[in-house]
Amino acid sequence: MKPSFSRELAIWTLLALPAAAQEPALFRDADLKLGEKLIAEHNCVACHQQKVGGDGSAIYKPAGKINTPGFLRGMVEQCNTELNLGLFPEEVTAVAAFLNRDHYRFR
């Protein structure tokens, strides 16, 4: 018996769900390449190195203080506001999504 197209589509959809479920809804449509570009343009790493020393990566896990995707986005917005970076909301989300992918891994 040959599977129908709709059945095959349903199977592929179910197989793809775990990958999609691994990304927080807040970051689902974020532009990761834009986030990476903005981090480089605004010298975020240099600022973090000044604040915490070393390579600056210690800033990403401050004793569990950032424990949700929303809080992560809020911290990026705080940097945006304090440093007057002028990032639009979708840019803040892109930066937070990039940081989530590379450092936090919230699901």
PDB file of N, CA and C in Angstrom:
ATOM      1  N   MET A   1       0.845  -1.176   0.000  1.00  0.00           N
ATOM      2  CA  MET A   1       0.000   0.000   0.000  1.00  0.00           C
ATOM      3  C   MET A   1       0.891   1.240   0.000  1.00  0.00           C
ATOM      4  N   LYS A   2       0.628   2.156  -0.916  1.00  0.00           N
ATOM      5  CA  LYS A   2       1.415   3.372  -1.044  1.00  0.00           C
ATOM      6  C   LYS A   2       0.859   4.448  -0.108  1.00  0.00           C
ATOM      7  N   PRO A   3       1.737   5.086   0.741  1.00  0.00           N
ATOM      8  CA  PRO A   3       1.243   6.145   1.623  1.00  0.00           C
ATOM      9  C   PRO A   3       0.760   7.340   0.822  1.00  0.00           C
ATOM     10  N   SER A   4      -0.272   7.983   1.316  1.00  0.00           N
ATOM     11  CA  SER A   4      -0.792   9.168   0.645  1.00  0.00           C
ATOM     12  C   SER A   4       0.111  10.364   0.933  1.00  0.00           C
ATOM     13  N   PHE A   5      -0.022  11.381   0.081  1.00  0.00           N
ATOM     14  CA  PHE A   5       0.779  12.594   0.259  1.00  0.00           C
ATOM     15  C   PHE A   5       0.500  13.234   1.614  1.00  0.00           C
ATOM     16  N   SER A   6      -0.765  13.310   2.004  1.00  0.00           N
ATOM     17  CA  SER A   6      -1.111  13.950   3.280  1.00  0.00           C
ATOM     18  C   SER A   6      -0.533  13.168   4.462  1.00  0.00           C
ATOM     19  N   ARG A   7      -0.493  11.854   4.340  1.00  0.00           N
ATOM     20  CA  ARG A   7       0.094  11.051   5.417  1.00  0.00           C
ATOM     21  C   ARG A   7       1.599  11.290   5.507  1.00  0.00           C
ATOM     22  N   GLU A   8       2.273  11.329   4.336  1.00  0.00           N
ATOM     23  CA  GLU A   8       3.712  11.605   4.327  1.00  0.00           C
ATOM     24  C   GLU A   8       3.996  12.989   4.899  1.00  0.00           C
ATOM     25  N   LEU A   9       3.179  13.973   4.545  1.00  0.00           N
ATOM     26  CA  LEU A   9       3.343  15.331   5.063  1.00  0.00           C
ATOM     27  C   LEU A   9       3.181  15.349   6.581  1.00  0.00           C
ATOM     28  N   ALA A  10       2.195  14.621   7.079  1.00  0.00           N
ATOM     29  CA  ALA A  10       1.975  14.562   8.520  1.00  0.00           C
ATOM     30  C   ALA A  10       3.171  13.936   9.241  1.00  0.00           C
ATOM     31  N   ILE A  11       3.734  12.896   8.652  1.00  0.00           N
ATOM     32  CA  ILE A  11       4.909  12.246   9.259  1.00  0.00           C
ATOM     33  C   ILE A  11       6.087  13.206   9.289  1.00  0.00           C
ATOM     34  N   TRP A  12       6.331  13.893   8.176  1.00  0.00           N
ATOM     35  CA  TRP A  12       7.453  14.854   8.130  1.00  0.00           C
ATOM     36  C   TRP A  12       7.235  16.004   9.103  1.00  0.00           C
ATOM     37  N   THR A  13       5.996  16.441   9.253  1.00  0.00           N
ATOM     38  CA  THR A  13       5.685  17.506  10.206  1.00  0.00           C
ATOM     39  C   THR A  13       6.004  17.057  11.621  1.00  0.00           C
ATOM     40  N   LEU A  14       5.614  15.849  11.969  1.00  0.00           N
ATOM     41  CA  LEU A  14       5.899  15.324  13.304  1.00  0.00           C
ATOM     42  C   LEU A  14       7.400  15.174  13.543  1.00  0.00           C
ATOM     43  N   LEU A  15       8.131  14.774  12.521  1.00  0.00           N
ATOM     44  CA  LEU A  15       9.577  14.638  12.661  1.00  0.00           C
ATOM     45  C   LEU A  15      10.247  15.991  12.849  1.00  0.00           C
ATOM     46  N   ALA A  16       9.684  17.035  12.276  1.00  0.00           N
ATOM     47  CA  ALA A  16      10.272  18.368  12.374  1.00  0.00           C
ATOM     48  C   ALA A  16       9.922  19.057  13.686  1.00  0.00           C
ATOM     49  N   LEU A  17       8.888  18.617  14.370  1.00  0.00           N
ATOM     50  CA  LEU A  17       8.457  19.278  15.604  1.00  0.00           C
ATOM     51  C   LEU A  17       9.536  19.384  16.671  1.00  0.00           C
ATOM     52  N   PRO A  18      10.312  18.340  16.946  1.00  0.00           N
ATOM     53  CA  PRO A  18      11.325  18.488  17.986  1.00  0.00           C
ATOM     54  C   PRO A  18      12.310  19.622  17.716  1.00  0.00           C
ATOM     55  N   ALA A  19      12.715  19.821  16.483  1.00  0.00           N
ATOM     56  CA  ALA A  19      13.652  20.902  16.162  1.00  0.00           C
ATOM     57  C   ALA A  19      12.996  22.252  16.406  1.00  0.00           C
ATOM     58  N   ALA A  20      11.757  22.406  15.979  1.00  0.00           N
ATOM     59  CA  ALA A  20      11.067  23.681  16.173  1.00  0.00           C
ATOM     60  C   ALA A  20      10.772  23.919  17.649  1.00  0.00           C
ATOM     61  N   ALA A  21      10.477  22.852  18.387  1.00  0.00           N
ATOM     62  CA  ALA A  21      10.145  22.994  19.799  1.00  0.00           C
ATOM     63  C   ALA A  21      11.352  23.380  20.633  1.00  0.00           C
ATOM     64  N   GLN A  22      12.544  23.219  20.093  1.00  0.00           N
ATOM     65  CA  GLN A  22      13.744  23.546  20.845  1.00  0.00           C
ATOM     66  C   GLN A  22      13.994  25.040  20.896  1.00  0.00           C
ATOM     67  N   GLU A  23      13.322  25.798  20.084  1.00  0.00           N
ATOM     68  CA  GLU A  23      13.535  27.237  20.020  1.00  0.00           C
ATOM     69  C   GLU A  23      12.378  27.940  20.729  1.00  0.00           C
ATOM     70  N   PRO A  24      12.675  28.862  21.648  1.00  0.00           N
ATOM     71  CA  PRO A  24      11.583  29.586  22.307  1.00  0.00           C
ATOM     72  C   PRO A  24      10.752  30.369  21.286  1.00  0.00           C
ATOM     73  N   ALA A  25       9.454  30.433  21.514  1.00  0.00           N
ATOM     74  CA  ALA A  25       8.563  31.152  20.604  1.00  0.00           C
ATOM     75  C   ALA A  25       9.014  32.596  20.402  1.00  0.00           C
ATOM     76  N   LEU A  26       9.544  33.210  21.434  1.00  0.00           N
ATOM     77  CA  LEU A  26      10.010  34.596  21.361  1.00  0.00           C
ATOM     78  C   LEU A  26      11.058  34.794  20.276  1.00  0.00           C
ATOM     79  N   PHE A  27      11.858  33.767  20.009  1.00  0.00           N
ATOM     80  CA  PHE A  27      12.957  33.884  19.052  1.00  0.00           C
ATOM     81  C   PHE A  27      12.683  33.191  17.718  1.00  0.00           C
ATOM     82  N   ARG A  28      11.511  32.638  17.547  1.00  0.00           N
ATOM     83  CA  ARG A  28      11.225  31.788  16.402  1.00  0.00           C
ATOM     84  C   ARG A  28      11.471  32.457  15.048  1.00  0.00           C
ATOM     85  N   ASP A  29      11.132  33.719  14.881  1.00  0.00           N
ATOM     86  CA  ASP A  29      11.301  34.398  13.588  1.00  0.00           C
ATOM     87  C   ASP A  29      12.481  35.358  13.591  1.00  0.00           C
ATOM     88  N   ALA A  30      13.339  35.275  14.574  1.00  0.00           N
ATOM     89  CA  ALA A  30      14.460  36.210  14.697  1.00  0.00           C
ATOM     90  C   ALA A  30      15.525  35.938  13.632  1.00  0.00           C
ATOM     91  N   ASP A  31      16.177  37.004  13.227  1.00  0.00           N
ATOM     92  CA  ASP A  31      17.242  36.934  12.224  1.00  0.00           C
ATOM     93  C   ASP A  31      18.585  36.761  12.950  1.00  0.00           C
ATOM     94  N   LEU A  32      19.060  35.534  13.030  1.00  0.00           N
ATOM     95  CA  LEU A  32      20.295  35.237  13.767  1.00  0.00           C
ATOM     96  C   LEU A  32      21.520  35.911  13.149  1.00  0.00           C
ATOM     97  N   LYS A  33      21.561  35.979  11.833  1.00  0.00           N
ATOM     98  CA  LYS A  33      22.701  36.640  11.177  1.00  0.00           C
ATOM     99  C   LYS A  33      22.724  38.120  11.514  1.00  0.00           C
ATOM    100  N   LEU A  34      21.557  38.740  11.573  1.00  0.00           N
ATOM    101  CA  LEU A  34      21.471  40.152  11.963  1.00  0.00           C
ATOM    102  C   LEU A  34      21.939  40.316  13.404  1.00  0.00           C
ATOM    103  N   GLY A  35      21.520  39.423  14.288  1.00  0.00           N
ATOM    104  CA  GLY A  35      21.946  39.489  15.688  1.00  0.00           C
ATOM    105  C   GLY A  35      23.451  39.415  15.817  1.00  0.00           C
ATOM    106  N   GLU A  36      24.062  38.497  15.100  1.00  0.00           N
ATOM    107  CA  GLU A  36      25.523  38.358  15.127  1.00  0.00           C
ATOM    108  C   GLU A  36      26.203  39.622  14.600  1.00  0.00           C
ATOM    109  N   LYS A  37      25.667  40.160  13.524  1.00  0.00           N
ATOM    110  CA  LYS A  37      26.216  41.378  12.918  1.00  0.00           C
ATOM    111  C   LYS A  37      26.131  42.563  13.883  1.00  0.00           C
ATOM    112  N   LEU A  38      24.995  42.698  14.552  1.00  0.00           N
ATOM    113  CA  LEU A  38      24.808  43.813  15.491  1.00  0.00           C
ATOM    114  C   LEU A  38      25.738  43.704  16.695  1.00  0.00           C
ATOM    115  N   ILE A  39      25.963  42.491  17.169  1.00  0.00           N
ATOM    116  CA  ILE A  39      26.894  42.289  18.284  1.00  0.00           C
ATOM    117  C   ILE A  39      28.292  42.762  17.886  1.00  0.00           C
ATOM    118  N   ALA A  40      28.703  42.438  16.674  1.00  0.00           N
ATOM    119  CA  ALA A  40      30.020  42.865  16.186  1.00  0.00           C
ATOM    120  C   ALA A  40      30.070  44.378  15.983  1.00  0.00           C
ATOM    121  N   GLU A  41      29.040  44.937  15.368  1.00  0.00           N
ATOM    122  CA  GLU A  41      29.009  46.384  15.080  1.00  0.00           C
ATOM    123  C   GLU A  41      29.045  47.236  16.344  1.00  0.00           C
ATOM    124  N   HIS A  42      28.403  46.767  17.396  1.00  0.00           N
ATOM    125  CA  HIS A  42      28.293  47.565  18.626  1.00  0.00           C
ATOM    126  C   HIS A  42      29.345  47.190  19.665  1.00  0.00           C
ATOM    127  N   ASN A  43      30.302  46.363  19.267  1.00  0.00           N
ATOM    128  CA  ASN A  43      31.421  45.983  20.142  1.00  0.00           C
ATOM    129  C   ASN A  43      30.953  45.445  21.496  1.00  0.00           C
ATOM    130  N   CYS A  44      29.936  44.626  21.464  1.00  0.00           N
ATOM    131  CA  CYS A  44      29.389  44.066  22.702  1.00  0.00           C
ATOM    132  C   CYS A  44      30.435  43.270  23.475  1.00  0.00           C
ATOM    133  N   VAL A  45      31.244  42.500  22.772  1.00  0.00           N
ATOM    134  CA  VAL A  45      32.244  41.662  23.441  1.00  0.00           C
ATOM    135  C   VAL A  45      33.238  42.536  24.212  1.00  0.00           C
ATOM    136  N   ALA A  46      33.693  43.626  23.610  1.00  0.00           N
ATOM    137  CA  ALA A  46      34.648  44.513  24.285  1.00  0.00           C
ATOM    138  C   ALA A  46      34.042  45.106  25.554  1.00  0.00           C
ATOM    139  N   CYS A  47      32.787  45.492  25.492  1.00  0.00           N
ATOM    140  CA  CYS A  47      32.105  46.045  26.669  1.00  0.00           C
ATOM    141  C   CYS A  47      31.999  44.976  27.755  1.00  0.00           C
ATOM    142  N   HIS A  48      31.630  43.757  27.368  1.00  0.00           N
ATOM    143  CA  HIS A  48      31.512  42.665  28.338  1.00  0.00           C
ATOM    144  C   HIS A  48      32.868  42.330  28.946  1.00  0.00           C
ATOM    145  N   GLN A  49      33.930  42.395  28.149  1.00  0.00           N
ATOM    146  CA  GLN A  49      35.277  42.147  28.679  1.00  0.00           C
ATOM    147  C   GLN A  49      35.636  43.194  29.733  1.00  0.00           C
ATOM    148  N   GLN A  50      35.267  44.432  29.503  1.00  0.00           N
ATOM    149  CA  GLN A  50      35.539  45.499  30.484  1.00  0.00           C
ATOM    150  C   GLN A  50      34.760  45.259  31.775  1.00  0.00           C
ATOM    151  N   LYS A  51      33.535  44.764  31.647  1.00  0.00           N
ATOM    152  CA  LYS A  51      32.688  44.565  32.826  1.00  0.00           C
ATOM    153  C   LYS A  51      33.094  43.356  33.666  1.00  0.00           C
ATOM    154  N   VAL A  52      33.442  42.235  33.002  1.00  0.00           N
ATOM    155  CA  VAL A  52      33.697  41.002  33.758  1.00  0.00           C
ATOM    156  C   VAL A  52      35.098  40.435  33.587  1.00  0.00           C
ATOM    157  N   GLY A  53      35.881  41.019  32.678  1.00  0.00           N
ATOM    158  CA  GLY A  53      37.240  40.532  32.456  1.00  0.00           C
ATOM    159  C   GLY A  53      37.283  39.309  31.566  1.00  0.00           C
ATOM    160  N   GLY A  54      38.475  38.813  31.355  1.00  0.00           N
ATOM    161  CA  GLY A  54      38.671  37.627  30.514  1.00  0.00           C
ATOM    162  C   GLY A  54      38.165  37.850  29.109  1.00  0.00           C
ATOM    163  N   ASP A  55      37.534  36.830  28.566  1.00  0.00           N
ATOM    164  CA  ASP A  55      36.992  36.951  27.207  1.00  0.00           C
ATOM    165  C   ASP A  55      35.587  37.540  27.193  1.00  0.00           C
ATOM    166  N   GLY A  56      35.062  37.902  28.367  1.00  0.00           N
ATOM    167  CA  GLY A  56      33.747  38.523  28.472  1.00  0.00           C
ATOM    168  C   GLY A  56      32.599  37.542  28.561  1.00  0.00           C
ATOM    169  N   SER A  57      32.852  36.261  28.373  1.00  0.00           N
ATOM    170  CA  SER A  57      31.764  35.280  28.341  1.00  0.00           C
ATOM    171  C   SER A  57      31.130  35.043  29.716  1.00  0.00           C
ATOM    172  N   ALA A  58      31.815  35.405  30.788  1.00  0.00           N
ATOM    173  CA  ALA A  58      31.245  35.226  32.135  1.00  0.00           C
ATOM    174  C   ALA A  58      29.971  36.038  32.316  1.00  0.00           C
ATOM    175  N   ILE A  59      29.779  37.059  31.514  1.00  0.00           N
ATOM    176  CA  ILE A  59      28.582  37.892  31.634  1.00  0.00           C
ATOM    177  C   ILE A  59      27.323  37.122  31.243  1.00  0.00           C
ATOM    178  N   TYR A  60      27.492  36.051  30.474  1.00  0.00           N
ATOM    179  CA  TYR A  60      26.326  35.330  29.969  1.00  0.00           C
ATOM    180  C   TYR A  60      25.647  34.445  30.993  1.00  0.00           C
ATOM    181  N   LYS A  61      26.294  34.079  32.055  1.00  0.00           N
ATOM    182  CA  LYS A  61      25.663  33.231  33.068  1.00  0.00           C
ATOM    183  C   LYS A  61      25.911  33.807  34.462  1.00  0.00           C
ATOM    184  N   PRO A  62      25.347  34.973  34.748  1.00  0.00           N
ATOM    185  CA  PRO A  62      25.592  35.595  36.052  1.00  0.00           C
ATOM    186  C   PRO A  62      24.807  34.920  37.178  1.00  0.00           C
ATOM    187  N   ALA A  63      25.331  33.824  37.654  1.00  0.00           N
ATOM    188  CA  ALA A  63      24.736  33.083  38.776  1.00  0.00           C
ATOM    189  C   ALA A  63      23.253  32.806  38.565  1.00  0.00           C
ATOM    190  N   GLY A  64      22.887  32.416  37.361  1.00  0.00           N
ATOM    191  CA  GLY A  64      21.510  32.033  37.071  1.00  0.00           C
ATOM    192  C   GLY A  64      20.503  33.156  37.031  1.00  0.00           C
ATOM    193  N   LYS A  65      20.948  34.400  36.984  1.00  0.00           N
ATOM    194  CA  LYS A  65      20.013  35.522  36.985  1.00  0.00           C
ATOM    195  C   LYS A  65      19.183  35.596  35.714  1.00  0.00           C
ATOM    196  N   ILE A  66      19.751  35.224  34.602  1.00  0.00           N
ATOM    197  CA  ILE A  66      19.008  35.230  33.343  1.00  0.00           C
ATOM    198  C   ILE A  66      18.527  33.809  33.117  1.00  0.00           C
ATOM    199  N   ASN A  67      17.232  33.572  33.404  1.00  0.00           N
ATOM    200  CA  ASN A  67      16.749  32.200  33.388  1.00  0.00           C
ATOM    201  C   ASN A  67      15.530  31.967  32.496  1.00  0.00           C
ATOM    202  N   THR A  68      15.177  32.949  31.676  1.00  0.00           N
ATOM    203  CA  THR A  68      14.091  32.779  30.717  1.00  0.00           C
ATOM    204  C   THR A  68      14.436  33.527  29.431  1.00  0.00           C
ATOM    205  N   PRO A  69      13.832  33.126  28.321  1.00  0.00           N
ATOM    206  CA  PRO A  69      14.058  33.862  27.072  1.00  0.00           C
ATOM    207  C   PRO A  69      13.632  35.332  27.182  1.00  0.00           C
ATOM    208  N   GLY A  70      12.533  35.581  27.872  1.00  0.00           N
ATOM    209  CA  GLY A  70      12.059  36.960  28.034  1.00  0.00           C
ATOM    210  C   GLY A  70      13.032  37.812  28.828  1.00  0.00           C
ATOM    211  N   PHE A  71      13.610  37.231  29.860  1.00  0.00           N
ATOM    212  CA  PHE A  71      14.581  37.969  30.663  1.00  0.00           C
ATOM    213  C   PHE A  71      15.845  38.245  29.845  1.00  0.00           C
ATOM    214  N   LEU A  72      16.254  37.291  29.035  1.00  0.00           N
ATOM    215  CA  LEU A  72      17.413  37.496  28.159  1.00  0.00           C
ATOM    216  C   LEU A  72      17.144  38.658  27.211  1.00  0.00           C
ATOM    217  N   ARG A  73      15.985  38.669  26.585  1.00  0.00           N
ATOM    218  CA  ARG A  73      15.654  39.765  25.684  1.00  0.00           C
ATOM    219  C   ARG A  73      15.621  41.082  26.437  1.00  0.00           C
ATOM    220  N   GLY A  74      15.110  41.056  27.662  1.00  0.00           N
ATOM    221  CA  GLY A  74      15.070  42.258  28.493  1.00  0.00           C
ATOM    222  C   GLY A  74      16.463  42.791  28.816  1.00  0.00           C
ATOM    223  N   MET A  75      17.410  41.899  29.034  1.00  0.00           N
ATOM    224  CA  MET A  75      18.783  42.337  29.316  1.00  0.00           C
ATOM    225  C   MET A  75      19.414  42.982  28.084  1.00  0.00           C
ATOM    226  N   VAL A  76      19.120  42.431  26.912  1.00  0.00           N
ATOM    227  CA  VAL A  76      19.622  43.049  25.676  1.00  0.00           C
ATOM    228  C   VAL A  76      18.979  44.420  25.508  1.00  0.00           C
ATOM    229  N   GLU A  77      17.695  44.525  25.801  1.00  0.00           N
ATOM    230  CA  GLU A  77      17.014  45.828  25.724  1.00  0.00           C
ATOM    231  C   GLU A  77      17.619  46.815  26.719  1.00  0.00           C
ATOM    232  N   GLN A  78      18.013  46.326  27.888  1.00  0.00           N
ATOM    233  CA  GLN A  78      18.646  47.195  28.883  1.00  0.00           C
ATOM    234  C   GLN A  78      19.967  47.757  28.334  1.00  0.00           C
ATOM    235  N   CYS A  79      20.770  46.912  27.709  1.00  0.00           N
ATOM    236  CA  CYS A  79      22.009  47.400  27.078  1.00  0.00           C
ATOM    237  C   CYS A  79      21.677  48.424  25.994  1.00  0.00           C
ATOM    238  N   ASN A  80      20.672  48.119  25.196  1.00  0.00           N
ATOM    239  CA  ASN A  80      20.248  49.018  24.133  1.00  0.00           C
ATOM    240  C   ASN A  80      19.895  50.399  24.694  1.00  0.00           C
ATOM    241  N   THR A  81      19.157  50.419  25.804  1.00  0.00           N
ATOM    242  CA  THR A  81      18.723  51.669  26.411  1.00  0.00           C
ATOM    243  C   THR A  81      19.880  52.392  27.087  1.00  0.00           C
ATOM    244  N   GLU A  82      20.624  51.681  27.932  1.00  0.00           N
ATOM    245  CA  GLU A  82      21.719  52.308  28.683  1.00  0.00           C
ATOM    246  C   GLU A  82      22.808  52.863  27.779  1.00  0.00           C
ATOM    247  N   LEU A  83      23.085  52.162  26.694  1.00  0.00           N
ATOM    248  CA  LEU A  83      24.167  52.579  25.793  1.00  0.00           C
ATOM    249  C   LEU A  83      23.656  53.397  24.611  1.00  0.00           C
ATOM    250  N   ASN A  84      22.348  53.644  24.585  1.00  0.00           N
ATOM    251  CA  ASN A  84      21.732  54.435  23.525  1.00  0.00           C
ATOM    252  C   ASN A  84      22.121  53.903  22.141  1.00  0.00           C
ATOM    253  N   LEU A  85      21.948  52.581  21.963  1.00  0.00           N
ATOM    254  CA  LEU A  85      22.350  51.941  20.718  1.00  0.00           C
ATOM    255  C   LEU A  85      21.383  52.204  19.567  1.00  0.00           C
ATOM    256  N   GLY A  86      20.143  52.518  19.895  1.00  0.00           N
ATOM    257  CA  GLY A  86      19.160  52.802  18.860  1.00  0.00           C
ATOM    258  C   GLY A  86      18.661  51.584  18.114  1.00  0.00           C
ATOM    259  N   LEU A  87      18.684  50.425  18.767  1.00  0.00           N
ATOM    260  CA  LEU A  87      18.204  49.204  18.117  1.00  0.00           C
ATOM    261  C   LEU A  87      16.676  49.179  18.104  1.00  0.00           C
ATOM    262  N   PHE A  88      16.128  48.720  16.994  1.00  0.00           N
ATOM    263  CA  PHE A  88      14.694  48.518  16.891  1.00  0.00           C
ATOM    264  C   PHE A  88      14.322  47.228  17.626  1.00  0.00           C
ATOM    265  N   PRO A  89      13.045  47.063  18.004  1.00  0.00           N
ATOM    266  CA  PRO A  89      12.640  45.858  18.746  1.00  0.00           C
ATOM    267  C   PRO A  89      13.040  44.545  18.069  1.00  0.00           C
ATOM    268  N   GLU A  90      12.895  44.461  16.749  1.00  0.00           N
ATOM    269  CA  GLU A  90      13.257  43.220  16.067  1.00  0.00           C
ATOM    270  C   GLU A  90      14.769  42.990  16.093  1.00  0.00           C
ATOM    271  N   GLU A  91      15.555  44.060  16.185  1.00  0.00           N
ATOM    272  CA  GLU A  91      17.006  43.925  16.294  1.00  0.00           C
ATOM    273  C   GLU A  91      17.400  43.433  17.684  1.00  0.00           C
ATOM    274  N   VAL A  92      16.729  43.945  18.704  1.00  0.00           N
ATOM    275  CA  VAL A  92      16.969  43.470  20.068  1.00  0.00           C
ATOM    276  C   VAL A  92      16.655  41.978  20.146  1.00  0.00           C
ATOM    277  N   THR A  93      15.552  41.578  19.545  1.00  0.00           N
ATOM    278  CA  THR A  93      15.176  40.167  19.539  1.00  0.00           C
ATOM    279  C   THR A  93      16.197  39.335  18.781  1.00  0.00           C
ATOM    280  N   ALA A  94      16.714  39.857  17.682  1.00  0.00           N
ATOM    281  CA  ALA A  94      17.724  39.138  16.899  1.00  0.00           C
ATOM    282  C   ALA A  94      18.992  38.916  17.718  1.00  0.00           C
ATOM    283  N   VAL A  95      19.428  39.935  18.440  1.00  0.00           N
ATOM    284  CA  VAL A  95      20.618  39.801  19.287  1.00  0.00           C
ATOM    285  C   VAL A  95      20.361  38.767  20.383  1.00  0.00           C
ATOM    286  N   ALA A  96      19.209  38.857  21.030  1.00  0.00           N
ATOM    287  CA  ALA A  96      18.877  37.912  22.101  1.00  0.00           C
ATOM    288  C   ALA A  96      18.783  36.483  21.560  1.00  0.00           C
ATOM    289  N   ALA A  97      18.216  36.320  20.387  1.00  0.00           N
ATOM    290  CA  ALA A  97      18.102  34.983  19.784  1.00  0.00           C
ATOM    291  C   ALA A  97      19.473  34.415  19.471  1.00  0.00           C
ATOM    292  N   PHE A  98      20.374  35.249  18.966  1.00  0.00           N
ATOM    293  CA  PHE A  98      21.734  34.799  18.684  1.00  0.00           C
ATOM    294  C   PHE A  98      22.429  34.377  19.982  1.00  0.00           C
ATOM    295  N   LEU A  99      22.290  35.194  21.031  1.00  0.00           N
ATOM    296  CA  LEU A  99      22.894  34.855  22.327  1.00  0.00           C
ATOM    297  C   LEU A  99      22.286  33.566  22.885  1.00  0.00           C
ATOM    298  N   ASN A 100      20.988  33.403  22.688  1.00  0.00           N
ATOM    299  CA  ASN A 100      20.348  32.177  23.154  1.00  0.00           C
ATOM    300  C   ASN A 100      20.929  30.965  22.443  1.00  0.00           C
ATOM    301  N   ARG A 101      21.077  31.072  21.147  1.00  0.00           N
ATOM    302  CA  ARG A 101      21.605  29.935  20.390  1.00  0.00           C
ATOM    303  C   ARG A 101      23.027  29.576  20.821  1.00  0.00           C
ATOM    304  N   ASP A 102      23.853  30.580  21.062  1.00  0.00           N
ATOM    305  CA  ASP A 102      25.269  30.321  21.323  1.00  0.00           C
ATOM    306  C   ASP A 102      25.647  30.211  22.802  1.00  0.00           C
ATOM    307  N   HIS A 103      24.807  30.731  23.706  1.00  0.00           N
ATOM    308  CA  HIS A 103      25.194  30.738  25.115  1.00  0.00           C
ATOM    309  C   HIS A 103      24.145  30.170  26.072  1.00  0.00           C
ATOM    310  N   TYR A 104      22.886  30.498  25.883  1.00  0.00           N
ATOM    311  CA  TYR A 104      21.875  30.134  26.876  1.00  0.00           C
ATOM    312  C   TYR A 104      21.157  28.833  26.568  1.00  0.00           C
ATOM    313  N   ARG A 105      20.773  28.660  25.343  1.00  0.00           N
ATOM    314  CA  ARG A 105      20.080  27.443  24.882  1.00  0.00           C
ATOM    315  C   ARG A 105      18.742  27.188  25.581  1.00  0.00           C
ATOM    316  N   PHE A 106      17.968  28.265  25.786  1.00  0.00           N
ATOM    317  CA  PHE A 106      16.609  28.093  26.318  1.00  0.00           C
ATOM    318  C   PHE A 106      15.783  27.380  25.270  1.00  0.00           C
ATOM    319  N   ARG A 107      14.850  26.573  25.737  1.00  0.00           N
ATOM    320  CA  ARG A 107      13.962  25.825  24.824  1.00  0.00           C
ATOM    321  C   ARG A 107      12.540  26.279  24.989  1.00  0.00           C
TER     322      ARG A 107
END
